[in-house]
Amino acid sequence: MEEADTESIRAAIGRINQTVQSLVTHLEFSLDTATHHSVVKVVDTRTHEVLRQFPSEEVLQIAKALDNFTGLLLQERA
């Protein structure tokens, strides 16, 4: 992913987060640095507890492991 694209995504994420912060539960948008997947969290504004996350941490870990595995396979073929 190009740096300019990442920065524009991060700027958009910041604007979205500011807009939805006034709700009792709010959405937080972010970009997972290891997998470059978009992450959405539903957070309780009083307790700051993450109520839901899409994709889940487990799915992000699986995606990262698959990326690593694919990289190893490509290295072996080279």
Protein backbone atom coordinates (compact mmCIF):
# COMPACT_ATOMS: atom_id res chain seq x y z
CA MET A 1 0.00 0.00 0.00
CA GLU A 2 1.41 3.40 -0.95
CA GLU A 3 2.24 5.88 1.82
CA ALA A 4 0.00 8.60 0.32
CA ASP A 5 -2.96 6.19 0.26
CA THR A 6 -2.32 5.17 3.87
CA GLU A 7 -2.18 8.80 5.00
CA SER A 8 -5.42 9.73 3.22
CA ILE A 9 -7.12 6.68 4.78
CA ARG A 10 -5.85 7.67 8.22
CA ALA A 11 -7.14 11.25 7.71
CA ALA A 12 -10.57 9.96 6.69
CA ILE A 13 -10.61 7.61 9.68
CA GLY A 14 -9.87 10.57 11.97
CA ARG A 15 -12.77 12.58 10.54
CA ILE A 16 -15.16 9.63 10.90
CA ASN A 17 -14.07 9.03 14.51
CA GLN A 18 -14.69 12.70 15.40
CA THR A 19 -18.19 12.58 13.91
CA VAL A 20 -19.39 9.49 15.78
CA GLN A 21 -17.82 10.22 19.20
CA SER A 22 -20.94 11.92 20.58
CA LEU A 23 -22.93 8.67 20.74
CA VAL A 24 -23.28 6.50 23.89
CA THR A 25 -21.64 3.73 21.97
CA HIS A 26 -19.45 4.89 19.19
CA LEU A 27 -17.56 3.42 16.30
CA GLU A 28 -13.80 3.64 16.01
CA PHE A 29 -12.26 3.06 12.63
CA SER A 30 -8.62 2.11 12.23
CA LEU A 31 -6.19 0.37 9.95
CA ASP A 32 -4.39 -2.71 11.23
CA THR A 33 -0.70 -2.03 10.59
CA ALA A 34 0.31 -5.67 10.18
CA THR A 35 -2.39 -6.72 7.71
CA HIS A 36 -3.54 -3.34 6.28
CA HIS A 37 -7.14 -4.39 6.93
CA SER A 38 -9.76 -1.88 8.06
CA VAL A 39 -10.92 -2.45 11.63
CA VAL A 40 -14.19 -1.21 13.14
CA LYS A 41 -14.75 -1.25 16.90
CA VAL A 42 -17.99 -0.57 18.77
CA VAL A 43 -16.91 1.08 22.02
CA ASP A 44 -18.91 2.04 25.13
CA THR A 45 -18.14 5.74 25.62
CA ARG A 46 -18.56 5.57 29.41
CA THR A 47 -16.30 2.57 30.11
CA HIS A 48 -14.19 2.60 26.93
CA GLU A 49 -14.85 -1.14 26.68
CA VAL A 50 -14.70 -2.61 23.19
CA LEU A 51 -18.09 -4.25 22.74
CA ARG A 52 -17.46 -5.61 19.24
CA GLN A 53 -14.67 -5.55 16.72
CA PHE A 54 -14.82 -6.34 13.00
CA PRO A 55 -12.79 -8.25 12.00
CA SER A 56 -12.00 -9.82 15.36
CA GLU A 57 -8.46 -9.99 16.76
CA GLU A 58 -8.45 -13.71 15.97
CA VAL A 59 -9.26 -13.08 12.32
CA LEU A 60 -6.53 -10.43 12.11
CA GLN A 61 -4.01 -12.89 13.60
CA ILE A 62 -5.05 -15.54 11.06
CA ALA A 63 -4.69 -13.03 8.21
CA LYS A 64 -1.22 -12.08 9.45
CA ALA A 65 -0.21 -15.75 9.73
CA LEU A 66 -1.48 -16.45 6.21
CA ASP A 67 0.46 -13.45 4.86
CA ASN A 68 3.61 -14.76 6.55
CA PHE A 69 2.99 -18.28 5.24
CA THR A 70 2.45 -16.99 1.71
CA GLY A 71 5.71 -15.03 1.96
CA LEU A 72 7.57 -18.18 3.03
CA LEU A 73 6.12 -20.16 0.13
CA LEU A 74 7.20 -17.47 -2.34
CA GLN A 75 10.72 -17.44 -0.88
CA GLU A 76 10.98 -21.22 -1.23
CA ARG A 77 9.94 -21.08 -4.89
CA ALA A 78 12.45 -18.34 -5.72
